């Protein structure tokens, strides 16, 4: 089973995303802080991290930086209000899969799922 960790302050903003993943039999676990997310990811069982721009204890970028030191092969997605250019400049070199808006809608969710399908993340293992 594919496992996704969602690090966010308010999981209600991501209900469309959560529903879309669950409808594809993907497990998604919301965590409300970066430190909780890091603890959960320590066992290496997650395939994807989606992080909010600002968490109570760190930024999404800081969480990604810490995550890739634990597991350099994990796919990461960042929720961000930055322009496309500023986002690219800010996250360059971190291997971030894509940027999502603060409240992803159905089209954003489908784009992410399509992207994941293209990299074969959601294929049976």
PDB file of N, CA and C in Angstrom:
ATOM      1  N   UNK A   1       0.837  -1.184   0.000  1.00  0.00           N
ATOM      2  CA  UNK A   1       0.000   0.000   0.000  1.00  0.00           C
ATOM      3  C   UNK A   1       0.882   1.248   0.000  1.00  0.00           C
ATOM      4  N   UNK A   2       0.497   2.224  -0.810  1.00  0.00           N
ATOM      5  CA  UNK A   2       1.204   3.488  -0.869  1.00  0.00           C
ATOM      6  C   UNK A   2       0.813   4.321   0.349  1.00  0.00           C
ATOM      7  N   UNK A   3       1.822   4.928   0.970  1.00  0.00           N
ATOM      8  CA  UNK A   3       1.581   5.740   2.163  1.00  0.00           C
ATOM      9  C   UNK A   3       2.041   7.177   1.929  1.00  0.00           C
ATOM     10  N   UNK A   4       1.145   8.117   2.227  1.00  0.00           N
ATOM     11  CA  UNK A   4       1.409   9.539   2.068  1.00  0.00           C
ATOM     12  C   UNK A   4       1.318  10.195   3.439  1.00  0.00           C
ATOM     13  N   UNK A   5       2.263  11.068   3.733  1.00  0.00           N
ATOM     14  CA  UNK A   5       2.220  11.843   4.962  1.00  0.00           C
ATOM     15  C   UNK A   5       1.907  13.283   4.603  1.00  0.00           C
ATOM     16  N   UNK A   6       0.871  13.827   5.210  1.00  0.00           N
ATOM     17  CA  UNK A   6       0.445  15.205   4.977  1.00  0.00           C
ATOM     18  C   UNK A   6       0.759  16.011   6.229  1.00  0.00           C
ATOM     19  N   UNK A   7       1.745  16.891   6.148  1.00  0.00           N
ATOM     20  CA  UNK A   7       2.103  17.760   7.272  1.00  0.00           C
ATOM     21  C   UNK A   7       1.415  19.100   7.045  1.00  0.00           C
ATOM     22  N   UNK A   8       0.438  19.412   7.894  1.00  0.00           N
ATOM     23  CA  UNK A   8      -0.341  20.630   7.701  1.00  0.00           C
ATOM     24  C   UNK A   8      -0.925  21.109   9.021  1.00  0.00           C
ATOM     25  N   UNK A   9      -1.183  22.394   9.074  1.00  0.00           N
ATOM     26  CA  UNK A   9      -1.807  22.984  10.258  1.00  0.00           C
ATOM     27  C   UNK A   9      -3.275  22.620  10.361  1.00  0.00           C
ATOM     28  N   UNK A  10      -3.962  22.538   9.216  1.00  0.00           N
ATOM     29  CA  UNK A  10      -5.403  22.308   9.206  1.00  0.00           C
ATOM     30  C   UNK A  10      -5.756  21.330   8.091  1.00  0.00           C
ATOM     31  N   UNK A  11      -5.975  20.078   8.437  1.00  0.00           N
ATOM     32  CA  UNK A  11      -6.261  19.064   7.419  1.00  0.00           C
ATOM     33  C   UNK A  11      -7.592  19.309   6.706  1.00  0.00           C
ATOM     34  N   UNK A  12      -8.479  20.137   7.283  1.00  0.00           N
ATOM     35  CA  UNK A  12      -9.752  20.447   6.623  1.00  0.00           C
ATOM     36  C   UNK A  12      -9.531  21.146   5.282  1.00  0.00           C
ATOM     37  N   UNK A  13      -8.416  21.861   5.142  1.00  0.00           N
ATOM     38  CA  UNK A  13      -8.113  22.537   3.876  1.00  0.00           C
ATOM     39  C   UNK A  13      -7.743  21.540   2.776  1.00  0.00           C
ATOM     40  N   UNK A  14      -7.483  20.300   3.157  1.00  0.00           N
ATOM     41  CA  UNK A  14      -7.006  19.298   2.217  1.00  0.00           C
ATOM     42  C   UNK A  14      -7.990  18.142   2.046  1.00  0.00           C
ATOM     43  N   UNK A  15      -9.264  18.366   2.393  1.00  0.00           N
ATOM     44  CA  UNK A  15     -10.238  17.276   2.333  1.00  0.00           C
ATOM     45  C   UNK A  15     -10.388  16.690   0.940  1.00  0.00           C
ATOM     46  N   UNK A  16     -10.383  17.540  -0.115  1.00  0.00           N
ATOM     47  CA  UNK A  16     -10.467  17.010  -1.484  1.00  0.00           C
ATOM     48  C   UNK A  16      -9.290  16.094  -1.775  1.00  0.00           C
ATOM     49  N   UNK A  17      -8.102  16.505  -1.365  1.00  0.00           N
ATOM     50  CA  UNK A  17      -6.915  15.702  -1.597  1.00  0.00           C
ATOM     51  C   UNK A  17      -6.984  14.387  -0.818  1.00  0.00           C
ATOM     52  N   UNK A  18      -7.369  14.475   0.431  1.00  0.00           N
ATOM     53  CA  UNK A  18      -7.471  13.278   1.266  1.00  0.00           C
ATOM     54  C   UNK A  18      -8.468  12.298   0.665  1.00  0.00           C
ATOM     55  N   UNK A  19      -9.636  12.803   0.256  1.00  0.00           N
ATOM     56  CA  UNK A  19     -10.654  11.944  -0.361  1.00  0.00           C
ATOM     57  C   UNK A  19     -10.151  11.312  -1.657  1.00  0.00           C
ATOM     58  N   UNK A  20      -9.449  12.091  -2.476  1.00  0.00           N
ATOM     59  CA  UNK A  20      -8.939  11.566  -3.744  1.00  0.00           C
ATOM     60  C   UNK A  20      -7.929  10.441  -3.517  1.00  0.00           C
ATOM     61  N   UNK A  21      -7.038  10.634  -2.568  1.00  0.00           N
ATOM     62  CA  UNK A  21      -6.072   9.566  -2.270  1.00  0.00           C
ATOM     63  C   UNK A  21      -6.777   8.334  -1.726  1.00  0.00           C
ATOM     64  N   UNK A  22      -7.690   8.527  -0.788  1.00  0.00           N
ATOM     65  CA  UNK A  22      -8.378   7.389  -0.188  1.00  0.00           C
ATOM     66  C   UNK A  22      -9.207   6.627  -1.212  1.00  0.00           C
ATOM     67  N   UNK A  23      -9.778   7.339  -2.197  1.00  0.00           N
ATOM     68  CA  UNK A  23     -10.560   6.660  -3.232  1.00  0.00           C
ATOM     69  C   UNK A  23      -9.686   5.786  -4.129  1.00  0.00           C
ATOM     70  N   UNK A  24      -8.381   6.044  -4.107  1.00  0.00           N
ATOM     71  CA  UNK A  24      -7.441   5.225  -4.882  1.00  0.00           C
ATOM     72  C   UNK A  24      -6.700   4.246  -3.973  1.00  0.00           C
ATOM     73  N   UNK A  25      -7.247   4.004  -2.797  1.00  0.00           N
ATOM     74  CA  UNK A  25      -6.670   3.063  -1.819  1.00  0.00           C
ATOM     75  C   UNK A  25      -5.263   3.458  -1.402  1.00  0.00           C
ATOM     76  N   UNK A  26      -5.040   4.755  -1.316  1.00  0.00           N
ATOM     77  CA  UNK A  26      -3.767   5.287  -0.849  1.00  0.00           C
ATOM     78  C   UNK A  26      -3.971   5.745   0.591  1.00  0.00           C
ATOM     79  N   UNK A  27      -3.104   5.306   1.466  1.00  0.00           N
ATOM     80  CA  UNK A  27      -3.200   5.731   2.866  1.00  0.00           C
ATOM     81  C   UNK A  27      -2.578   7.113   3.010  1.00  0.00           C
ATOM     82  N   UNK A  28      -3.304   8.029   3.635  1.00  0.00           N
ATOM     83  CA  UNK A  28      -2.782   9.372   3.868  1.00  0.00           C
ATOM     84  C   UNK A  28      -2.951   9.695   5.347  1.00  0.00           C
ATOM     85  N   UNK A  29      -1.849  10.061   5.983  1.00  0.00           N
ATOM     86  CA  UNK A  29      -1.831  10.332   7.414  1.00  0.00           C
ATOM     87  C   UNK A  29      -1.511  11.805   7.662  1.00  0.00           C
ATOM     88  N   UNK A  30      -2.476  12.582   8.156  1.00  0.00           N
ATOM     89  CA  UNK A  30      -2.208  13.980   8.489  1.00  0.00           C
ATOM     90  C   UNK A  30      -1.433  14.110   9.808  1.00  0.00           C
ATOM     91  N   UNK A  31      -0.469  15.007   9.827  1.00  0.00           N
ATOM     92  CA  UNK A  31       0.288  15.353  11.030  1.00  0.00           C
ATOM     93  C   UNK A  31       0.261  16.870  11.146  1.00  0.00           C
ATOM     94  N   UNK A  32       0.178  17.390  12.362  1.00  0.00           N
ATOM     95  CA  UNK A  32       0.031  18.828  12.535  1.00  0.00           C
ATOM     96  C   UNK A  32       1.338  19.564  12.802  1.00  0.00           C
ATOM     97  N   UNK A  33       2.452  18.867  12.815  1.00  0.00           N
ATOM     98  CA  UNK A  33       3.734  19.555  13.033  1.00  0.00           C
ATOM     99  C   UNK A  33       4.831  18.852  12.250  1.00  0.00           C
ATOM    100  N   UNK A  34       5.897  19.601  12.014  1.00  0.00           N
ATOM    101  CA  UNK A  34       7.044  19.024  11.326  1.00  0.00           C
ATOM    102  C   UNK A  34       7.713  17.946  12.156  1.00  0.00           C
ATOM    103  N   UNK A  35       7.833  18.152  13.459  1.00  0.00           N
ATOM    104  CA  UNK A  35       8.487  17.160  14.312  1.00  0.00           C
ATOM    105  C   UNK A  35       7.691  15.859  14.349  1.00  0.00           C
ATOM    106  N   UNK A  36       6.358  15.943  14.370  1.00  0.00           N
ATOM    107  CA  UNK A  36       5.533  14.727  14.320  1.00  0.00           C
ATOM    108  C   UNK A  36       5.722  14.009  12.991  1.00  0.00           C
ATOM    109  N   UNK A  37       5.785  14.778  11.917  1.00  0.00           N
ATOM    110  CA  UNK A  37       5.989  14.182  10.597  1.00  0.00           C
ATOM    111  C   UNK A  37       7.340  13.477  10.525  1.00  0.00           C
ATOM    112  N   UNK A  38       8.374  14.106  11.039  1.00  0.00           N
ATOM    113  CA  UNK A  38       9.706  13.489  11.023  1.00  0.00           C
ATOM    114  C   UNK A  38       9.722  12.201  11.830  1.00  0.00           C
ATOM    115  N   UNK A  39       9.065  12.193  12.962  1.00  0.00           N
ATOM    116  CA  UNK A  39       8.982  10.979  13.773  1.00  0.00           C
ATOM    117  C   UNK A  39       8.294   9.860  12.997  1.00  0.00           C
ATOM    118  N   UNK A  40       7.192  10.192  12.335  1.00  0.00           N
ATOM    119  CA  UNK A  40       6.462   9.184  11.553  1.00  0.00           C
ATOM    120  C   UNK A  40       7.280   8.666  10.377  1.00  0.00           C
ATOM    121  N   UNK A  41       8.072   9.538   9.764  1.00  0.00           N
ATOM    122  CA  UNK A  41       8.848   9.140   8.584  1.00  0.00           C
ATOM    123  C   UNK A  41      10.124   8.380   8.925  1.00  0.00           C
ATOM    124  N   UNK A  42      10.480   8.332  10.173  1.00  0.00           N
ATOM    125  CA  UNK A  42      11.745   7.719  10.571  1.00  0.00           C
ATOM    126  C   UNK A  42      11.838   6.250  10.181  1.00  0.00           C
ATOM    127  N   UNK A  43      10.710   5.564  10.087  1.00  0.00           N
ATOM    128  CA  UNK A  43      10.762   4.137   9.749  1.00  0.00           C
ATOM    129  C   UNK A  43      10.917   3.884   8.246  1.00  0.00           C
ATOM    130  N   UNK A  44      10.846   4.946   7.432  1.00  0.00           N
ATOM    131  CA  UNK A  44      11.066   4.810   5.995  1.00  0.00           C
ATOM    132  C   UNK A  44       9.907   4.207   5.221  1.00  0.00           C
ATOM    133  N   UNK A  45       8.729   4.139   5.817  1.00  0.00           N
ATOM    134  CA  UNK A  45       7.609   3.468   5.150  1.00  0.00           C
ATOM    135  C   UNK A  45       6.761   4.394   4.269  1.00  0.00           C
ATOM    136  N   UNK A  46       7.011   5.696   4.317  1.00  0.00           N
ATOM    137  CA  UNK A  46       6.224   6.630   3.507  1.00  0.00           C
ATOM    138  C   UNK A  46       6.847   6.815   2.134  1.00  0.00           C
ATOM    139  N   UNK A  47       5.969   6.984   1.135  1.00  0.00           N
ATOM    140  CA  UNK A  47       6.395   7.166  -0.249  1.00  0.00           C
ATOM    141  C   UNK A  47       6.341   8.620  -0.698  1.00  0.00           C
ATOM    142  N   UNK A  48       5.526   9.420  -0.021  1.00  0.00           N
ATOM    143  CA  UNK A  48       5.311  10.805  -0.430  1.00  0.00           C
ATOM    144  C   UNK A  48       5.059  11.670   0.798  1.00  0.00           C
ATOM    145  N   UNK A  49       5.696  12.840   0.826  1.00  0.00           N
ATOM    146  CA  UNK A  49       5.443  13.860   1.839  1.00  0.00           C
ATOM    147  C   UNK A  49       4.812  15.057   1.149  1.00  0.00           C
ATOM    148  N   UNK A  50       3.675  15.502   1.676  1.00  0.00           N
ATOM    149  CA  UNK A  50       3.056  16.752   1.252  1.00  0.00           C
ATOM    150  C   UNK A  50       3.116  17.659   2.463  1.00  0.00           C
ATOM    151  N   UNK A  51       3.749  18.827   2.307  1.00  0.00           N
ATOM    152  CA  UNK A  51       3.886  19.720   3.451  1.00  0.00           C
ATOM    153  C   UNK A  51       3.306  21.094   3.179  1.00  0.00           C
ATOM    154  N   UNK A  52       2.652  21.604   4.191  1.00  0.00           N
ATOM    155  CA  UNK A  52       2.123  22.958   4.168  1.00  0.00           C
ATOM    156  C   UNK A  52       3.311  23.931   4.213  1.00  0.00           C
ATOM    157  N   UNK A  53       3.073  25.147   3.793  1.00  0.00           N
ATOM    158  CA  UNK A  53       4.117  26.170   3.746  1.00  0.00           C
ATOM    159  C   UNK A  53       4.638  26.528   5.147  1.00  0.00           C
ATOM    160  N   UNK A  54       3.709  26.628   6.096  1.00  0.00           N
ATOM    161  CA  UNK A  54       4.079  26.994   7.464  1.00  0.00           C
ATOM    162  C   UNK A  54       3.453  26.008   8.432  1.00  0.00           C
ATOM    163  N   UNK A  55       4.259  25.378   9.236  1.00  0.00           N
ATOM    164  CA  UNK A  55       3.808  24.468  10.278  1.00  0.00           C
ATOM    165  C   UNK A  55       4.052  25.150  11.622  1.00  0.00           C
ATOM    166  N   UNK A  56       3.446  24.675  12.687  1.00  0.00           N
ATOM    167  CA  UNK A  56       3.637  25.331  13.979  1.00  0.00           C
ATOM    168  C   UNK A  56       5.093  25.390  14.448  1.00  0.00           C
ATOM    169  N   UNK A  57       5.894  24.401  14.062  1.00  0.00           N
ATOM    170  CA  UNK A  57       7.262  24.330  14.588  1.00  0.00           C
ATOM    171  C   UNK A  57       8.367  24.529  13.560  1.00  0.00           C
ATOM    172  N   UNK A  58       8.023  24.648  12.284  1.00  0.00           N
ATOM    173  CA  UNK A  58       9.029  24.870  11.236  1.00  0.00           C
ATOM    174  C   UNK A  58       8.328  25.202   9.927  1.00  0.00           C
ATOM    175  N   UNK A  59       9.111  25.620   8.950  1.00  0.00           N
ATOM    176  CA  UNK A  59       8.547  25.868   7.626  1.00  0.00           C
ATOM    177  C   UNK A  59       8.471  24.554   6.858  1.00  0.00           C
ATOM    178  N   UNK A  60       7.672  24.556   5.817  1.00  0.00           N
ATOM    179  CA  UNK A  60       7.608  23.381   4.953  1.00  0.00           C
ATOM    180  C   UNK A  60       8.950  23.088   4.309  1.00  0.00           C
ATOM    181  N   UNK A  61       9.655  24.127   3.934  1.00  0.00           N
ATOM    182  CA  UNK A  61      10.975  23.937   3.333  1.00  0.00           C
ATOM    183  C   UNK A  61      11.935  23.269   4.321  1.00  0.00           C
ATOM    184  N   UNK A  62      11.920  23.702   5.580  1.00  0.00           N
ATOM    185  CA  UNK A  62      12.783  23.082   6.589  1.00  0.00           C
ATOM    186  C   UNK A  62      12.422  21.614   6.772  1.00  0.00           C
ATOM    187  N   UNK A  63      11.128  21.305   6.737  1.00  0.00           N
ATOM    188  CA  UNK A  63      10.709  19.907   6.863  1.00  0.00           C
ATOM    189  C   UNK A  63      11.225  19.088   5.692  1.00  0.00           C
ATOM    190  N   UNK A  64      11.138  19.621   4.489  1.00  0.00           N
ATOM    191  CA  UNK A  64      11.652  18.900   3.324  1.00  0.00           C
ATOM    192  C   UNK A  64      13.153  18.679   3.455  1.00  0.00           C
ATOM    193  N   UNK A  65      13.888  19.707   3.859  1.00  0.00           N
ATOM    194  CA  UNK A  65      15.341  19.566   4.021  1.00  0.00           C
ATOM    195  C   UNK A  65      15.680  18.470   5.027  1.00  0.00           C
ATOM    196  N   UNK A  66      14.963  18.421   6.133  1.00  0.00           N
ATOM    197  CA  UNK A  66      15.215  17.383   7.147  1.00  0.00           C
ATOM    198  C   UNK A  66      14.779  16.015   6.649  1.00  0.00           C
ATOM    199  N   UNK A  67      13.684  15.980   5.906  1.00  0.00           N
ATOM    200  CA  UNK A  67      13.157  14.718   5.390  1.00  0.00           C
ATOM    201  C   UNK A  67      14.128  14.066   4.417  1.00  0.00           C
ATOM    202  N   UNK A  68      14.693  14.851   3.512  1.00  0.00           N
ATOM    203  CA  UNK A  68      15.573  14.249   2.509  1.00  0.00           C
ATOM    204  C   UNK A  68      16.896  13.787   3.109  1.00  0.00           C
ATOM    205  N   UNK A  69      17.233  14.268   4.301  1.00  0.00           N
ATOM    206  CA  UNK A  69      18.407  13.698   4.962  1.00  0.00           C
ATOM    207  C   UNK A  69      18.072  12.331   5.555  1.00  0.00           C
ATOM    208  N   UNK A  70      16.814  12.136   5.953  1.00  0.00           N
ATOM    209  CA  UNK A  70      16.371  10.828   6.449  1.00  0.00           C
ATOM    210  C   UNK A  70      16.168   9.836   5.315  1.00  0.00           C
ATOM    211  N   UNK A  71      15.549  10.319   4.241  1.00  0.00           N
ATOM    212  CA  UNK A  71      15.217   9.467   3.107  1.00  0.00           C
ATOM    213  C   UNK A  71      15.353  10.279   1.823  1.00  0.00           C
ATOM    214  N   UNK A  72      16.521  10.243   1.181  1.00  0.00           N
ATOM    215  CA  UNK A  72      16.730  11.060  -0.015  1.00  0.00           C
ATOM    216  C   UNK A  72      15.891  10.636  -1.220  1.00  0.00           C
ATOM    217  N   UNK A  73      15.209   9.502  -1.128  1.00  0.00           N
ATOM    218  CA  UNK A  73      14.422   9.019  -2.260  1.00  0.00           C
ATOM    219  C   UNK A  73      12.932   9.296  -2.123  1.00  0.00           C
ATOM    220  N   UNK A  74      12.527   9.918  -1.029  1.00  0.00           N
ATOM    221  CA  UNK A  74      11.107  10.205  -0.844  1.00  0.00           C
ATOM    222  C   UNK A  74      10.697  11.348  -1.774  1.00  0.00           C
ATOM    223  N   UNK A  75       9.508  11.253  -2.306  1.00  0.00           N
ATOM    224  CA  UNK A  75       8.948  12.321  -3.128  1.00  0.00           C
ATOM    225  C   UNK A  75       8.316  13.351  -2.212  1.00  0.00           C
ATOM    226  N   UNK A  76       8.535  14.627  -2.516  1.00  0.00           N
ATOM    227  CA  UNK A  76       7.999  15.711  -1.692  1.00  0.00           C
ATOM    228  C   UNK A  76       7.203  16.684  -2.554  1.00  0.00           C
ATOM    229  N   UNK A  77       6.108  17.159  -1.980  1.00  0.00           N
ATOM    230  CA  UNK A  77       5.260  18.167  -2.597  1.00  0.00           C
ATOM    231  C   UNK A  77       5.103  19.287  -1.579  1.00  0.00           C
ATOM    232  N   UNK A  78       5.215  20.522  -2.035  1.00  0.00           N
ATOM    233  CA  UNK A  78       5.110  21.666  -1.127  1.00  0.00           C
ATOM    234  C   UNK A  78       3.893  22.513  -1.465  1.00  0.00           C
ATOM    235  N   UNK A  79       3.125  22.830  -0.445  1.00  0.00           N
ATOM    236  CA  UNK A  79       2.025  23.782  -0.575  1.00  0.00           C
ATOM    237  C   UNK A  79       2.643  25.154  -0.365  1.00  0.00           C
ATOM    238  N   UNK A  80       2.424  26.053  -1.324  1.00  0.00           N
ATOM    239  CA  UNK A  80       3.099  27.340  -1.245  1.00  0.00           C
ATOM    240  C   UNK A  80       2.318  28.424  -1.976  1.00  0.00           C
ATOM    241  N   UNK A  81       2.400  29.639  -1.431  1.00  0.00           N
ATOM    242  CA  UNK A  81       1.783  30.799  -2.070  1.00  0.00           C
ATOM    243  C   UNK A  81       2.775  31.562  -2.948  1.00  0.00           C
ATOM    244  N   UNK A  82       4.012  31.105  -3.020  1.00  0.00           N
ATOM    245  CA  UNK A  82       5.028  31.783  -3.823  1.00  0.00           C
ATOM    246  C   UNK A  82       4.687  31.726  -5.306  1.00  0.00           C
ATOM    247  N   UNK A  83       5.152  32.698  -6.062  1.00  0.00           N
ATOM    248  CA  UNK A  83       5.014  32.635  -7.517  1.00  0.00           C
ATOM    249  C   UNK A  83       5.818  31.442  -8.018  1.00  0.00           C
ATOM    250  N   UNK A  84       5.516  31.018  -9.232  1.00  0.00           N
ATOM    251  CA  UNK A  84       6.216  29.858  -9.788  1.00  0.00           C
ATOM    252  C   UNK A  84       7.735  30.080  -9.797  1.00  0.00           C
ATOM    253  N   UNK A  85       8.168  31.267 -10.221  1.00  0.00           N
ATOM    254  CA  UNK A  85       9.603  31.551 -10.276  1.00  0.00           C
ATOM    255  C   UNK A  85      10.237  31.562  -8.889  1.00  0.00           C
ATOM    256  N   UNK A  86       9.606  32.261  -7.943  1.00  0.00           N
ATOM    257  CA  UNK A  86      10.154  32.311  -6.577  1.00  0.00           C
ATOM    258  C   UNK A  86      10.168  30.924  -5.943  1.00  0.00           C
ATOM    259  N   UNK A  87       9.124  30.132  -6.219  1.00  0.00           N
ATOM    260  CA  UNK A  87       9.080  28.768  -5.694  1.00  0.00           C
ATOM    261  C   UNK A  87      10.259  27.962  -6.243  1.00  0.00           C
ATOM    262  N   UNK A  88      10.474  28.061  -7.543  1.00  0.00           N
ATOM    263  CA  UNK A  88      11.580  27.335  -8.173  1.00  0.00           C
ATOM    264  C   UNK A  88      12.911  27.761  -7.562  1.00  0.00           C
ATOM    265  N   UNK A  89      13.109  29.066  -7.407  1.00  0.00           N
ATOM    266  CA  UNK A  89      14.356  29.573  -6.827  1.00  0.00           C
ATOM    267  C   UNK A  89      14.537  29.096  -5.382  1.00  0.00           C
ATOM    268  N   UNK A  90      13.462  29.136  -4.612  1.00  0.00           N
ATOM    269  CA  UNK A  90      13.509  28.781  -3.186  1.00  0.00           C
ATOM    270  C   UNK A  90      13.756  27.293  -2.954  1.00  0.00           C
ATOM    271  N   UNK A  91      13.143  26.451  -3.776  1.00  0.00           N
ATOM    272  CA  UNK A  91      13.192  25.001  -3.547  1.00  0.00           C
ATOM    273  C   UNK A  91      14.161  24.268  -4.468  1.00  0.00           C
ATOM    274  N   UNK A  92      14.870  25.005  -5.297  1.00  0.00           N
ATOM    275  CA  UNK A  92      15.808  24.389  -6.230  1.00  0.00           C
ATOM    276  C   UNK A  92      16.820  23.524  -5.486  1.00  0.00           C
ATOM    277  N   UNK A  93      17.058  22.351  -6.009  1.00  0.00           N
ATOM    278  CA  UNK A  93      18.038  21.444  -5.421  1.00  0.00           C
ATOM    279  C   UNK A  93      17.476  20.513  -4.359  1.00  0.00           C
ATOM    280  N   UNK A  94      16.204  20.693  -4.002  1.00  0.00           N
ATOM    281  CA  UNK A  94      15.602  19.839  -2.981  1.00  0.00           C
ATOM    282  C   UNK A  94      14.813  18.671  -3.582  1.00  0.00           C
ATOM    283  N   UNK A  95      14.691  18.642  -4.898  1.00  0.00           N
ATOM    284  CA  UNK A  95      13.984  17.536  -5.538  1.00  0.00           C
ATOM    285  C   UNK A  95      12.485  17.546  -5.293  1.00  0.00           C
ATOM    286  N   UNK A  96      11.907  18.733  -5.105  1.00  0.00           N
ATOM    287  CA  UNK A  96      10.471  18.824  -4.858  1.00  0.00           C
ATOM    288  C   UNK A  96       9.724  18.478  -6.147  1.00  0.00           C
ATOM    289  N   UNK A  97       8.786  17.584  -6.022  1.00  0.00           N
ATOM    290  CA  UNK A  97       8.037  17.071  -7.160  1.00  0.00           C
ATOM    291  C   UNK A  97       7.151  18.139  -7.790  1.00  0.00           C
ATOM    292  N   UNK A  98       6.451  18.893  -6.954  1.00  0.00           N
ATOM    293  CA  UNK A  98       5.584  19.941  -7.478  1.00  0.00           C
ATOM    294  C   UNK A  98       5.113  20.869  -6.364  1.00  0.00           C
ATOM    295  N   UNK A  99       4.520  21.980  -6.770  1.00  0.00           N
ATOM    296  CA  UNK A  99       3.947  22.984  -5.876  1.00  0.00           C
ATOM    297  C   UNK A  99       2.427  22.876  -5.943  1.00  0.00           C
ATOM    298  N   UNK A 100       1.784  22.973  -4.787  1.00  0.00           N
ATOM    299  CA  UNK A 100       0.324  23.013  -4.723  1.00  0.00           C
ATOM    300  C   UNK A 100      -0.118  24.338  -4.109  1.00  0.00           C
ATOM    301  N   UNK A 101      -1.302  24.817  -4.484  1.00  0.00           N
ATOM    302  CA  UNK A 101      -1.828  26.041  -3.861  1.00  0.00           C
ATOM    303  C   UNK A 101      -2.275  25.752  -2.423  1.00  0.00           C
ATOM    304  N   UNK A 102      -2.511  26.790  -1.623  1.00  0.00           N
ATOM    305  CA  UNK A 102      -2.874  26.610  -0.215  1.00  0.00           C
ATOM    306  C   UNK A 102      -4.097  25.727   0.049  1.00  0.00           C
ATOM    307  N   UNK A 103      -5.079  25.776  -0.824  1.00  0.00           N
ATOM    308  CA  UNK A 103      -6.241  24.901  -0.694  1.00  0.00           C
ATOM    309  C   UNK A 103      -6.410  24.157  -2.015  1.00  0.00           C
ATOM    310  N   UNK A 104      -5.767  23.005  -2.141  1.00  0.00           N
ATOM    311  CA  UNK A 104      -5.830  22.272  -3.412  1.00  0.00           C
ATOM    312  C   UNK A 104      -7.260  21.890  -3.765  1.00  0.00           C
ATOM    313  N   UNK A 105      -7.645  22.135  -5.034  1.00  0.00           N
ATOM    314  CA  UNK A 105      -8.972  21.738  -5.484  1.00  0.00           C
ATOM    315  C   UNK A 105      -8.872  20.419  -6.241  1.00  0.00           C
ATOM    316  N   UNK A 106      -9.977  19.977  -6.778  1.00  0.00           N
ATOM    317  CA  UNK A 106     -10.024  18.685  -7.456  1.00  0.00           C
ATOM    318  C   UNK A 106      -9.041  18.635  -8.620  1.00  0.00           C
ATOM    319  N   UNK A 107      -8.919  19.727  -9.375  1.00  0.00           N
ATOM    320  CA  UNK A 107      -7.980  19.754 -10.510  1.00  0.00           C
ATOM    321  C   UNK A 107      -6.535  19.619 -10.029  1.00  0.00           C
ATOM    322  N   UNK A 108      -6.194  20.278  -8.926  1.00  0.00           N
ATOM    323  CA  UNK A 108      -4.839  20.168  -8.376  1.00  0.00           C
ATOM    324  C   UNK A 108      -4.554  18.745  -7.918  1.00  0.00           C
ATOM    325  N   UNK A 109      -5.547  18.151  -7.287  1.00  0.00           N
ATOM    326  CA  UNK A 109      -5.404  16.771  -6.816  1.00  0.00           C
ATOM    327  C   UNK A 109      -5.190  15.836  -8.001  1.00  0.00           C
ATOM    328  N   UNK A 110      -5.984  16.022  -9.052  1.00  0.00           N
ATOM    329  CA  UNK A 110      -5.843  15.160 -10.230  1.00  0.00           C
ATOM    330  C   UNK A 110      -4.478  15.345 -10.885  1.00  0.00           C
ATOM    331  N   UNK A 111      -4.003  16.580 -10.943  1.00  0.00           N
ATOM    332  CA  UNK A 111      -2.676  16.844 -11.513  1.00  0.00           C
ATOM    333  C   UNK A 111      -1.593  16.105 -10.719  1.00  0.00           C
ATOM    334  N   UNK A 112      -1.685  16.145  -9.405  1.00  0.00           N
ATOM    335  CA  UNK A 112      -0.721  15.432  -8.565  1.00  0.00           C
ATOM    336  C   UNK A 112      -0.821  13.928  -8.784  1.00  0.00           C
ATOM    337  N   UNK A 113      -2.044  13.396  -8.806  1.00  0.00           N
ATOM    338  CA  UNK A 113      -2.213  11.955  -9.021  1.00  0.00           C
ATOM    339  C   UNK A 113      -1.693  11.535 -10.393  1.00  0.00           C
ATOM    340  N   UNK A 114      -1.949  12.351 -11.422  1.00  0.00           N
ATOM    341  CA  UNK A 114      -1.428  12.057 -12.761  1.00  0.00           C
ATOM    342  C   UNK A 114       0.096  12.063 -12.760  1.00  0.00           C
ATOM    343  N   UNK A 115       0.675  13.041 -12.068  1.00  0.00           N
ATOM    344  CA  UNK A 115       2.132  13.131 -11.991  1.00  0.00           C
ATOM    345  C   UNK A 115       2.713  11.910 -11.282  1.00  0.00           C
ATOM    346  N   UNK A 116       2.068  11.508 -10.208  1.00  0.00           N
ATOM    347  CA  UNK A 116       2.529  10.324  -9.481  1.00  0.00           C
ATOM    348  C   UNK A 116       2.426   9.077 -10.342  1.00  0.00           C
ATOM    349  N   UNK A 117       1.336   8.981 -11.094  1.00  0.00           N
ATOM    350  CA  UNK A 117       1.193   7.838 -12.010  1.00  0.00           C
ATOM    351  C   UNK A 117       2.322   7.814 -13.032  1.00  0.00           C
ATOM    352  N   UNK A 118       2.711   8.995 -13.519  1.00  0.00           N
ATOM    353  CA  UNK A 118       3.776   9.066 -14.516  1.00  0.00           C
ATOM    354  C   UNK A 118       5.105   8.573 -13.961  1.00  0.00           C
ATOM    355  N   UNK A 119       5.336   8.776 -12.686  1.00  0.00           N
ATOM    356  CA  UNK A 119       6.608   8.303 -12.119  1.00  0.00           C
ATOM    357  C   UNK A 119       6.450   6.926 -11.474  1.00  0.00           C
ATOM    358  N   UNK A 120       5.297   6.326 -11.735  1.00  0.00           N
ATOM    359  CA  UNK A 120       5.041   4.954 -11.304  1.00  0.00           C
ATOM    360  C   UNK A 120       4.972   4.776  -9.799  1.00  0.00           C
ATOM    361  N   UNK A 121       4.724   5.844  -9.073  1.00  0.00           N
ATOM    362  CA  UNK A 121       4.623   5.744  -7.620  1.00  0.00           C
ATOM    363  C   UNK A 121       3.407   4.965  -7.191  1.00  0.00           C
ATOM    364  N   UNK A 122       2.322   5.086  -7.934  1.00  0.00           N
ATOM    365  CA  UNK A 122       1.085   4.439  -7.526  1.00  0.00           C
ATOM    366  C   UNK A 122       0.874   3.062  -8.133  1.00  0.00           C
ATOM    367  N   UNK A 123       1.868   2.554  -8.821  1.00  0.00           N
ATOM    368  CA  UNK A 123       1.760   1.195  -9.346  1.00  0.00           C
ATOM    369  C   UNK A 123       1.924   0.211  -8.208  1.00  0.00           C
ATOM    370  N   UNK A 124       1.326  -0.933  -8.346  1.00  0.00           N
ATOM    371  CA  UNK A 124       1.459  -1.955  -7.288  1.00  0.00           C
ATOM    372  C   UNK A 124       2.917  -2.296  -7.090  1.00  0.00           C
ATOM    373  N   UNK A 125       3.256  -2.493  -5.849  1.00  0.00           N
ATOM    374  CA  UNK A 125       4.637  -2.845  -5.503  1.00  0.00           C
ATOM    375  C   UNK A 125       4.687  -4.291  -5.095  1.00  0.00           C
TER     376      UNK A 125
END
